[in-house]
N, C-alpha and C. Protein backbone atom coordinates (compact mmCIF):
# COMPACT_ATOMS: atom_id res chain seq x y z
N GLU A 1 22.93 8.37 5.19
CA GLU A 1 22.35 8.16 3.88
C GLU A 1 20.88 7.79 3.98
N GLY A 2 20.24 8.05 5.08
CA GLY A 2 18.82 7.73 5.22
C GLY A 2 18.63 6.30 5.62
N TRP A 3 17.40 5.89 5.68
CA TRP A 3 17.08 4.52 6.07
C TRP A 3 15.92 4.03 5.23
N VAL A 4 15.84 2.75 5.11
CA VAL A 4 14.79 2.14 4.29
C VAL A 4 13.59 1.87 5.17
N VAL A 5 12.43 2.25 4.69
CA VAL A 5 11.18 2.02 5.39
C VAL A 5 10.50 0.81 4.77
N PRO A 6 10.00 -0.13 5.56
CA PRO A 6 9.31 -1.27 4.95
C PRO A 6 8.17 -0.80 4.06
N ALA A 7 8.03 -1.44 2.92
CA ALA A 7 6.97 -1.08 1.97
C ALA A 7 6.43 -2.35 1.35
N TYR A 8 5.24 -2.28 0.86
CA TYR A 8 4.72 -3.38 0.09
C TYR A 8 3.88 -2.84 -1.06
N SER A 9 3.75 -3.67 -2.08
CA SER A 9 3.09 -3.25 -3.31
C SER A 9 1.77 -3.98 -3.47
N GLN A 10 0.85 -3.29 -4.04
CA GLN A 10 -0.43 -3.92 -4.37
C GLN A 10 -0.82 -3.41 -5.75
N SER A 11 -1.16 -4.32 -6.63
CA SER A 11 -1.60 -3.90 -7.96
C SER A 11 -2.96 -3.22 -7.83
N MET A 12 -3.12 -2.12 -8.54
CA MET A 12 -4.36 -1.35 -8.46
C MET A 12 -4.72 -0.89 -9.86
N PRO A 13 -5.95 -1.06 -10.29
CA PRO A 13 -6.32 -0.61 -11.64
C PRO A 13 -6.20 0.91 -11.76
N LEU A 14 -5.69 1.33 -12.89
CA LEU A 14 -5.55 2.76 -13.13
C LEU A 14 -6.86 3.28 -13.72
N ASP A 15 -7.73 3.79 -12.84
CA ASP A 15 -9.02 4.26 -13.30
C ASP A 15 -9.11 5.78 -13.30
N ARG A 16 -7.96 6.43 -13.15
CA ARG A 16 -7.93 7.89 -13.18
C ARG A 16 -6.95 8.31 -14.27
N PRO A 17 -7.41 8.46 -15.51
CA PRO A 17 -6.49 8.77 -16.60
C PRO A 17 -5.72 10.07 -16.38
N GLU A 18 -6.28 11.00 -15.62
CA GLU A 18 -5.56 12.26 -15.39
C GLU A 18 -4.31 12.05 -14.55
N ASP A 19 -4.19 10.88 -13.89
CA ASP A 19 -3.03 10.59 -13.06
C ASP A 19 -1.96 9.80 -13.80
N SER A 20 -2.14 9.54 -15.08
CA SER A 20 -1.26 8.64 -15.80
C SER A 20 0.19 9.09 -15.85
N GLY A 21 0.48 10.39 -15.69
CA GLY A 21 1.86 10.85 -15.69
C GLY A 21 2.32 11.31 -14.33
N THR A 22 1.62 10.91 -13.30
CA THR A 22 1.96 11.39 -11.97
C THR A 22 2.07 10.24 -10.98
N VAL A 23 2.60 10.58 -9.82
CA VAL A 23 2.59 9.68 -8.68
C VAL A 23 1.89 10.46 -7.57
N ILE A 24 0.98 9.80 -6.88
CA ILE A 24 0.18 10.47 -5.85
C ILE A 24 0.74 10.15 -4.48
N LEU A 25 0.94 11.16 -3.68
CA LEU A 25 1.30 11.01 -2.28
C LEU A 25 0.03 11.31 -1.49
N THR A 26 -0.50 10.31 -0.79
CA THR A 26 -1.75 10.52 -0.08
C THR A 26 -1.55 11.42 1.14
N ALA A 27 -2.65 11.95 1.64
CA ALA A 27 -2.60 12.80 2.84
C ALA A 27 -2.06 12.02 4.03
N ALA A 28 -2.41 10.72 4.13
CA ALA A 28 -1.91 9.90 5.24
C ALA A 28 -0.39 9.73 5.16
N ALA A 29 0.14 9.53 3.96
CA ALA A 29 1.58 9.40 3.79
C ALA A 29 2.27 10.73 4.10
N ALA A 30 1.69 11.83 3.65
CA ALA A 30 2.26 13.15 3.92
C ALA A 30 2.29 13.43 5.43
N ALA A 31 1.22 13.05 6.12
CA ALA A 31 1.17 13.26 7.57
C ALA A 31 2.24 12.43 8.27
N ARG A 32 2.46 11.20 7.81
CA ARG A 32 3.50 10.36 8.42
C ARG A 32 4.88 10.95 8.19
N VAL A 33 5.12 11.48 6.99
CA VAL A 33 6.41 12.11 6.70
C VAL A 33 6.61 13.31 7.63
N GLN A 34 5.55 14.10 7.84
CA GLN A 34 5.64 15.24 8.76
C GLN A 34 6.06 14.78 10.16
N THR A 35 5.46 13.70 10.64
CA THR A 35 5.80 13.15 11.95
C THR A 35 7.26 12.69 11.98
N LEU A 36 7.69 12.00 10.94
CA LEU A 36 9.07 11.52 10.89
C LEU A 36 10.07 12.67 10.78
N ARG A 37 9.70 13.72 10.07
CA ARG A 37 10.55 14.92 10.01
C ARG A 37 10.78 15.48 11.41
N GLU A 38 9.69 15.55 12.19
CA GLU A 38 9.80 16.06 13.56
C GLU A 38 10.69 15.17 14.40
N LEU A 39 10.55 13.85 14.27
CA LEU A 39 11.38 12.92 15.02
C LEU A 39 12.86 13.04 14.64
N GLU A 40 13.12 13.28 13.37
CA GLU A 40 14.49 13.44 12.88
C GLU A 40 15.04 14.84 13.15
N GLY A 41 14.15 15.78 13.46
CA GLY A 41 14.58 17.15 13.70
C GLY A 41 15.01 17.88 12.44
N ASN A 42 14.48 17.45 11.29
CA ASN A 42 14.87 18.06 10.01
C ASN A 42 13.62 18.30 9.16
N PRO A 43 13.09 19.53 9.17
CA PRO A 43 11.88 19.83 8.39
C PRO A 43 12.11 19.87 6.88
N ALA A 44 13.36 19.73 6.44
CA ALA A 44 13.67 19.79 5.01
C ALA A 44 13.67 18.41 4.35
N LEU A 45 13.38 17.36 5.09
CA LEU A 45 13.41 16.02 4.51
C LEU A 45 12.26 15.80 3.53
N HIS A 46 12.59 15.12 2.42
CA HIS A 46 11.61 14.73 1.41
C HIS A 46 11.56 13.21 1.39
N LEU A 47 10.42 12.66 1.01
CA LEU A 47 10.29 11.21 0.86
C LEU A 47 10.76 10.84 -0.54
N ARG A 48 11.65 9.86 -0.62
CA ARG A 48 12.16 9.41 -1.92
C ARG A 48 11.76 7.95 -2.14
N VAL A 49 11.19 7.67 -3.32
CA VAL A 49 10.87 6.30 -3.70
C VAL A 49 11.69 5.97 -4.94
N SER A 50 12.42 4.86 -4.86
CA SER A 50 13.22 4.38 -5.98
C SER A 50 12.80 2.96 -6.30
N VAL A 51 12.95 2.58 -7.56
CA VAL A 51 12.71 1.20 -7.98
C VAL A 51 14.07 0.62 -8.35
N LEU A 52 14.41 -0.49 -7.71
CA LEU A 52 15.69 -1.14 -7.93
C LEU A 52 15.47 -2.53 -8.49
N GLY A 53 16.43 -3.02 -9.26
CA GLY A 53 16.38 -4.40 -9.71
C GLY A 53 16.66 -5.30 -8.53
N GLY A 54 15.99 -6.44 -8.48
CA GLY A 54 16.22 -7.39 -7.39
C GLY A 54 14.92 -7.81 -6.75
N GLY A 55 15.04 -8.42 -5.60
CA GLY A 55 13.86 -8.94 -4.93
C GLY A 55 13.43 -10.23 -5.59
N CYS A 56 12.49 -10.92 -5.01
CA CYS A 56 12.10 -12.23 -5.55
C CYS A 56 11.18 -12.13 -6.76
N SER A 57 10.68 -10.94 -7.10
CA SER A 57 9.82 -10.81 -8.27
C SER A 57 10.44 -9.97 -9.38
N GLY A 58 11.67 -9.53 -9.21
CA GLY A 58 12.36 -8.80 -10.27
C GLY A 58 12.68 -7.35 -9.95
N PHE A 59 11.78 -6.65 -9.25
CA PHE A 59 12.01 -5.26 -8.86
C PHE A 59 11.62 -5.09 -7.40
N GLN A 60 12.21 -4.09 -6.76
CA GLN A 60 11.84 -3.79 -5.39
C GLN A 60 11.86 -2.29 -5.16
N TYR A 61 11.06 -1.85 -4.21
CA TYR A 61 11.01 -0.44 -3.85
C TYR A 61 12.02 -0.14 -2.76
N LYS A 62 12.61 1.03 -2.85
CA LYS A 62 13.42 1.55 -1.76
C LYS A 62 12.78 2.88 -1.38
N ILE A 63 12.43 3.01 -0.11
CA ILE A 63 11.81 4.23 0.39
C ILE A 63 12.71 4.80 1.47
N ASP A 64 13.13 6.04 1.28
CA ASP A 64 13.96 6.67 2.29
C ASP A 64 13.77 8.18 2.25
N PHE A 65 14.57 8.88 3.02
CA PHE A 65 14.49 10.33 3.08
C PHE A 65 15.69 10.96 2.41
N ASP A 66 15.47 12.13 1.84
CA ASP A 66 16.54 12.89 1.20
C ASP A 66 16.24 14.35 1.44
N ASP A 67 17.28 15.13 1.71
CA ASP A 67 17.04 16.56 1.92
C ASP A 67 17.42 17.38 0.69
N ALA A 68 17.70 16.70 -0.43
CA ALA A 68 18.06 17.41 -1.66
C ALA A 68 17.29 16.85 -2.85
N VAL A 69 16.82 17.74 -3.70
CA VAL A 69 16.18 17.35 -4.96
C VAL A 69 17.29 17.25 -6.01
N GLN A 70 17.37 16.11 -6.69
CA GLN A 70 18.39 15.90 -7.72
C GLN A 70 17.86 16.36 -9.07
N GLY A 71 18.77 16.57 -10.01
CA GLY A 71 18.41 17.07 -11.33
C GLY A 71 17.48 16.18 -12.12
N ASP A 72 17.50 14.87 -11.85
CA ASP A 72 16.64 13.95 -12.60
C ASP A 72 15.40 13.53 -11.82
N ASP A 73 15.07 14.27 -10.77
CA ASP A 73 13.92 13.93 -9.94
C ASP A 73 12.63 14.54 -10.48
N ARG A 74 11.56 13.75 -10.41
CA ARG A 74 10.21 14.27 -10.57
C ARG A 74 9.73 14.56 -9.16
N VAL A 75 9.07 15.69 -8.96
CA VAL A 75 8.64 16.11 -7.63
C VAL A 75 7.13 16.19 -7.58
N PHE A 76 6.54 15.52 -6.59
CA PHE A 76 5.10 15.52 -6.38
C PHE A 76 4.87 15.98 -4.95
N GLU A 77 3.91 16.86 -4.74
CA GLU A 77 3.74 17.45 -3.42
C GLU A 77 2.31 17.33 -2.90
N THR A 78 2.20 17.00 -1.62
CA THR A 78 0.91 16.94 -0.92
C THR A 78 1.10 17.54 0.46
N ASP A 79 0.26 18.50 0.82
CA ASP A 79 0.28 19.10 2.15
C ASP A 79 1.67 19.54 2.60
N GLY A 80 2.44 20.11 1.68
CA GLY A 80 3.77 20.63 2.01
C GLY A 80 4.87 19.58 2.06
N VAL A 81 4.55 18.34 1.71
CA VAL A 81 5.54 17.26 1.71
C VAL A 81 5.85 16.89 0.26
N LYS A 82 7.13 16.83 -0.07
CA LYS A 82 7.54 16.47 -1.43
C LYS A 82 7.91 15.00 -1.51
N LEU A 83 7.41 14.36 -2.57
CA LEU A 83 7.77 13.00 -2.92
C LEU A 83 8.70 13.09 -4.12
N LEU A 84 9.86 12.47 -4.03
CA LEU A 84 10.84 12.49 -5.10
C LEU A 84 10.93 11.13 -5.76
N VAL A 85 10.87 11.11 -7.10
CA VAL A 85 11.02 9.88 -7.87
C VAL A 85 11.97 10.20 -9.02
N ASP A 86 13.11 9.48 -9.10
CA ASP A 86 14.06 9.75 -10.17
C ASP A 86 13.49 9.26 -11.51
N ASP A 87 14.04 9.79 -12.60
CA ASP A 87 13.53 9.48 -13.94
C ASP A 87 13.52 7.98 -14.24
N THR A 88 14.56 7.26 -13.84
CA THR A 88 14.62 5.83 -14.11
C THR A 88 13.50 5.09 -13.39
N SER A 89 13.27 5.42 -12.13
CA SER A 89 12.20 4.78 -11.35
C SER A 89 10.82 5.20 -11.84
N MET A 90 10.72 6.41 -12.36
CA MET A 90 9.43 6.95 -12.79
C MET A 90 8.79 6.06 -13.85
N GLU A 91 9.61 5.43 -14.67
CA GLU A 91 9.11 4.53 -15.71
C GLU A 91 8.23 3.44 -15.11
N PHE A 92 8.54 3.00 -13.89
CA PHE A 92 7.80 1.93 -13.23
C PHE A 92 6.73 2.46 -12.27
N MET A 93 6.72 3.77 -12.03
CA MET A 93 5.86 4.35 -11.01
C MET A 93 4.70 5.19 -11.56
N ILE A 94 4.61 5.35 -12.88
CA ILE A 94 3.57 6.20 -13.46
C ILE A 94 2.19 5.74 -13.00
N GLY A 95 1.44 6.66 -12.42
CA GLY A 95 0.09 6.36 -11.97
C GLY A 95 0.01 5.71 -10.59
N ALA A 96 1.15 5.53 -9.93
CA ALA A 96 1.17 4.87 -8.62
C ALA A 96 0.73 5.83 -7.52
N GLU A 97 0.34 5.24 -6.41
CA GLU A 97 -0.07 5.99 -5.23
C GLU A 97 0.77 5.52 -4.05
N VAL A 98 1.41 6.48 -3.37
CA VAL A 98 2.19 6.17 -2.17
C VAL A 98 1.33 6.54 -0.98
N ASP A 99 1.02 5.54 -0.17
CA ASP A 99 0.12 5.71 0.97
C ASP A 99 0.85 5.26 2.23
N PHE A 100 0.26 5.56 3.38
CA PHE A 100 0.76 5.05 4.66
C PHE A 100 -0.41 4.37 5.34
N VAL A 101 -0.21 3.11 5.73
CA VAL A 101 -1.28 2.36 6.37
C VAL A 101 -0.81 1.88 7.74
N ASP A 102 -1.74 1.88 8.68
CA ASP A 102 -1.48 1.40 10.03
C ASP A 102 -2.49 0.30 10.30
N GLU A 103 -2.06 -0.95 10.12
CA GLU A 103 -2.96 -2.10 10.23
C GLU A 103 -2.49 -3.01 11.35
N LEU A 104 -3.24 -4.05 11.62
CA LEU A 104 -2.89 -5.00 12.67
C LEU A 104 -1.52 -5.63 12.43
N ILE A 105 -1.16 -5.84 11.17
CA ILE A 105 0.12 -6.47 10.86
C ILE A 105 1.28 -5.48 10.93
N GLY A 106 1.00 -4.20 11.11
CA GLY A 106 2.05 -3.20 11.23
C GLY A 106 1.74 -1.96 10.43
N ALA A 107 2.57 -0.97 10.63
CA ALA A 107 2.43 0.30 9.92
C ALA A 107 3.54 0.40 8.88
N ALA A 108 3.19 0.84 7.69
CA ALA A 108 4.19 0.93 6.62
C ALA A 108 3.69 1.82 5.50
N PHE A 109 4.64 2.31 4.73
CA PHE A 109 4.29 2.96 3.48
C PHE A 109 3.87 1.86 2.51
N LYS A 110 2.83 2.12 1.76
CA LYS A 110 2.27 1.14 0.83
C LYS A 110 2.22 1.78 -0.55
N ILE A 111 2.65 1.06 -1.55
CA ILE A 111 2.63 1.58 -2.91
C ILE A 111 1.60 0.81 -3.71
N ASN A 112 0.57 1.51 -4.14
CA ASN A 112 -0.45 0.94 -5.02
C ASN A 112 -0.02 1.28 -6.44
N ASN A 113 0.48 0.29 -7.15
CA ASN A 113 1.10 0.52 -8.44
C ASN A 113 0.36 -0.21 -9.55
N PRO A 114 -0.26 0.54 -10.47
CA PRO A 114 -0.99 -0.10 -11.57
C PRO A 114 -0.07 -0.81 -12.56
N ASN A 115 1.23 -0.55 -12.49
CA ASN A 115 2.20 -1.17 -13.40
C ASN A 115 2.65 -2.54 -12.90
N ALA A 116 2.45 -2.83 -11.62
CA ALA A 116 2.88 -4.11 -11.06
C ALA A 116 1.88 -5.19 -11.44
N THR A 117 2.35 -6.18 -12.17
CA THR A 117 1.46 -7.26 -12.59
C THR A 117 1.43 -8.39 -11.55
N ALA A 118 2.44 -8.43 -10.69
CA ALA A 118 2.48 -9.45 -9.64
C ALA A 118 3.38 -8.93 -8.53
N SER A 119 3.13 -9.39 -7.32
CA SER A 119 4.03 -9.09 -6.22
C SER A 119 4.24 -10.38 -5.45
N CYS A 120 5.28 -10.41 -4.63
CA CYS A 120 5.59 -11.66 -3.94
C CYS A 120 5.08 -11.62 -2.51
N GLY A 121 5.24 -12.73 -1.84
CA GLY A 121 4.76 -12.87 -0.47
C GLY A 121 5.44 -11.95 0.52
N CYS A 122 6.69 -11.56 0.25
CA CYS A 122 7.40 -10.69 1.19
C CYS A 122 6.84 -9.28 1.12
N GLY A 123 6.17 -8.92 0.01
CA GLY A 123 5.51 -7.64 -0.09
C GLY A 123 6.39 -6.48 -0.48
N THR A 124 7.68 -6.70 -0.73
CA THR A 124 8.54 -5.58 -1.09
C THR A 124 9.02 -5.64 -2.53
N SER A 125 8.67 -6.68 -3.25
CA SER A 125 9.12 -6.75 -4.64
C SER A 125 7.92 -6.99 -5.55
N PHE A 126 8.13 -6.70 -6.84
CA PHE A 126 7.05 -6.81 -7.81
C PHE A 126 7.61 -7.08 -9.17
N SER A 127 6.76 -7.48 -10.10
CA SER A 127 7.16 -7.65 -11.48
C SER A 127 6.24 -6.84 -12.38
N VAL A 128 6.70 -6.58 -13.60
CA VAL A 128 5.92 -5.80 -14.54
C VAL A 128 5.64 -6.57 -15.84
N PHE A 129 5.91 -7.85 -15.85
CA PHE A 129 5.70 -8.65 -17.07
C PHE A 129 4.35 -9.28 -17.08
């Protein structure tokens, strides 16, 4: 059923109105997915981001792989890599950017979400109030 990749959220001002109905998958994130596809031996894998209730701030991201597009998925593509976001999660992800960062503290997918009004110290949950 895939695996969860560590992620963290950072609030980011939405200064690109043309992106208000989309989610952006950066080139760095697409390149990382390509690498992980090769490691898994499955070139058909797509990156899936879901928003779930829970975490210490009210919502949390789940990032994993899926080889099937579901009927309620919104599909965003960068460099041949598809990002899947289901309709329910899309409500919280409009205008967000999914990136991959490799920093001193570790490498992880990072979600810059203009809808997140706060995030917690663990970096995997956020609130929208």
